[in-house]
Amino acid sequence: MYELQRLLEIEEHIKSGRLAEDFEDGSKSRKEEILEFLEKLMELGELADETATKLIFKDSYLEALSGVKVQK
């Protein structure tokens, strides 16, 4: 489910300029598809950031509030 390799491929596709080329050379529907993809990718990035923050700081915050180390 956590397909890091696929994310790395998407990253490389964007960094290489191929995505921009696909957009420039694409039909109207292809351009819309690319823009939808990028919008969803940005939404997922925001969600990932929120989730990582919650996961990383959840126990630390509880520890700070209570003054007691949370058992793991």
Protein backbone atom coordinates (compact mmCIF):
# COMPACT_ATOMS: atom_id res chain seq x y z
CA MET A 1 0.00 0.00 0.00
CA TYR A 2 2.85 2.41 0.75
CA GLU A 3 4.38 2.53 -2.71
CA LEU A 4 7.50 4.63 -2.21
CA GLN A 5 8.93 3.54 -5.56
CA ARG A 6 5.89 4.93 -7.39
CA LEU A 7 6.21 8.24 -5.56
CA LEU A 8 9.89 8.40 -6.51
CA GLU A 9 8.95 7.80 -10.15
CA ILE A 10 6.41 10.63 -10.01
CA GLU A 11 9.03 12.88 -8.42
CA GLU A 12 11.52 12.07 -11.18
CA HIS A 13 8.87 12.64 -13.86
CA ILE A 14 8.22 16.12 -12.49
CA LYS A 15 11.89 17.03 -11.83
CA SER A 16 12.99 15.88 -15.28
CA GLY A 17 10.60 18.27 -16.97
CA ARG A 18 8.67 15.48 -18.68
CA LEU A 19 5.45 16.44 -16.92
CA ALA A 20 5.82 20.04 -18.15
CA GLU A 21 6.49 18.73 -21.66
CA ASP A 22 3.44 16.48 -21.47
CA PHE A 23 1.40 19.50 -20.46
CA GLU A 24 2.77 21.76 -23.19
CA ASP A 25 2.31 19.13 -25.90
CA GLY A 26 -0.99 17.80 -24.60
CA SER A 27 -4.54 18.23 -25.78
CA LYS A 28 -6.97 20.28 -23.74
CA SER A 29 -8.28 17.16 -21.98
CA ARG A 30 -4.72 15.96 -21.25
CA LYS A 31 -3.83 19.34 -19.77
CA GLU A 32 -6.92 19.21 -17.56
CA GLU A 33 -5.95 15.69 -16.46
CA ILE A 34 -2.43 16.83 -15.55
CA LEU A 35 -3.73 19.82 -13.61
CA GLU A 36 -6.20 17.58 -11.72
CA PHE A 37 -3.35 15.19 -10.94
CA LEU A 38 -1.16 18.00 -9.60
CA GLU A 39 -4.02 19.42 -7.54
CA LYS A 40 -4.67 16.02 -5.95
CA LEU A 41 -0.95 15.56 -5.36
CA MET A 42 -0.81 18.90 -3.53
CA GLU A 43 -3.86 17.98 -1.44
CA LEU A 44 -2.24 14.67 -0.53
CA GLY A 45 0.97 16.49 0.39
CA GLU A 46 -0.94 18.70 2.81
CA LEU A 47 -2.74 15.68 4.28
CA ALA A 48 0.55 13.80 4.62
CA ASP A 49 2.11 16.77 6.41
CA GLU A 50 -0.82 17.02 8.84
CA THR A 51 -0.77 13.28 9.48
CA ALA A 52 3.00 13.12 10.00
CA THR A 53 2.82 16.04 12.42
CA LYS A 54 0.10 14.31 14.43
CA LEU A 55 1.97 11.01 14.47
CA ILE A 56 5.32 12.53 15.42
CA PHE A 57 4.13 14.97 18.05
CA LYS A 58 1.17 13.09 19.52
CA ASP A 59 3.09 11.38 22.32
CA SER A 60 5.48 14.28 22.82
CA TYR A 61 2.58 16.66 23.37
CA LEU A 62 0.93 14.28 25.82
CA GLU A 63 4.22 13.93 27.68
CA ALA A 64 4.66 17.69 27.89
CA LEU A 65 1.14 18.23 29.21
CA SER A 66 1.21 15.48 31.80
CA GLY A 67 4.87 15.58 32.72
CA VAL A 68 4.82 11.78 32.52
CA LYS A 69 6.61 9.67 29.92
CA VAL A 70 4.08 7.77 27.77
CA GLN A 71 4.66 4.01 27.64
CA LYS A 72 5.23 2.60 24.13
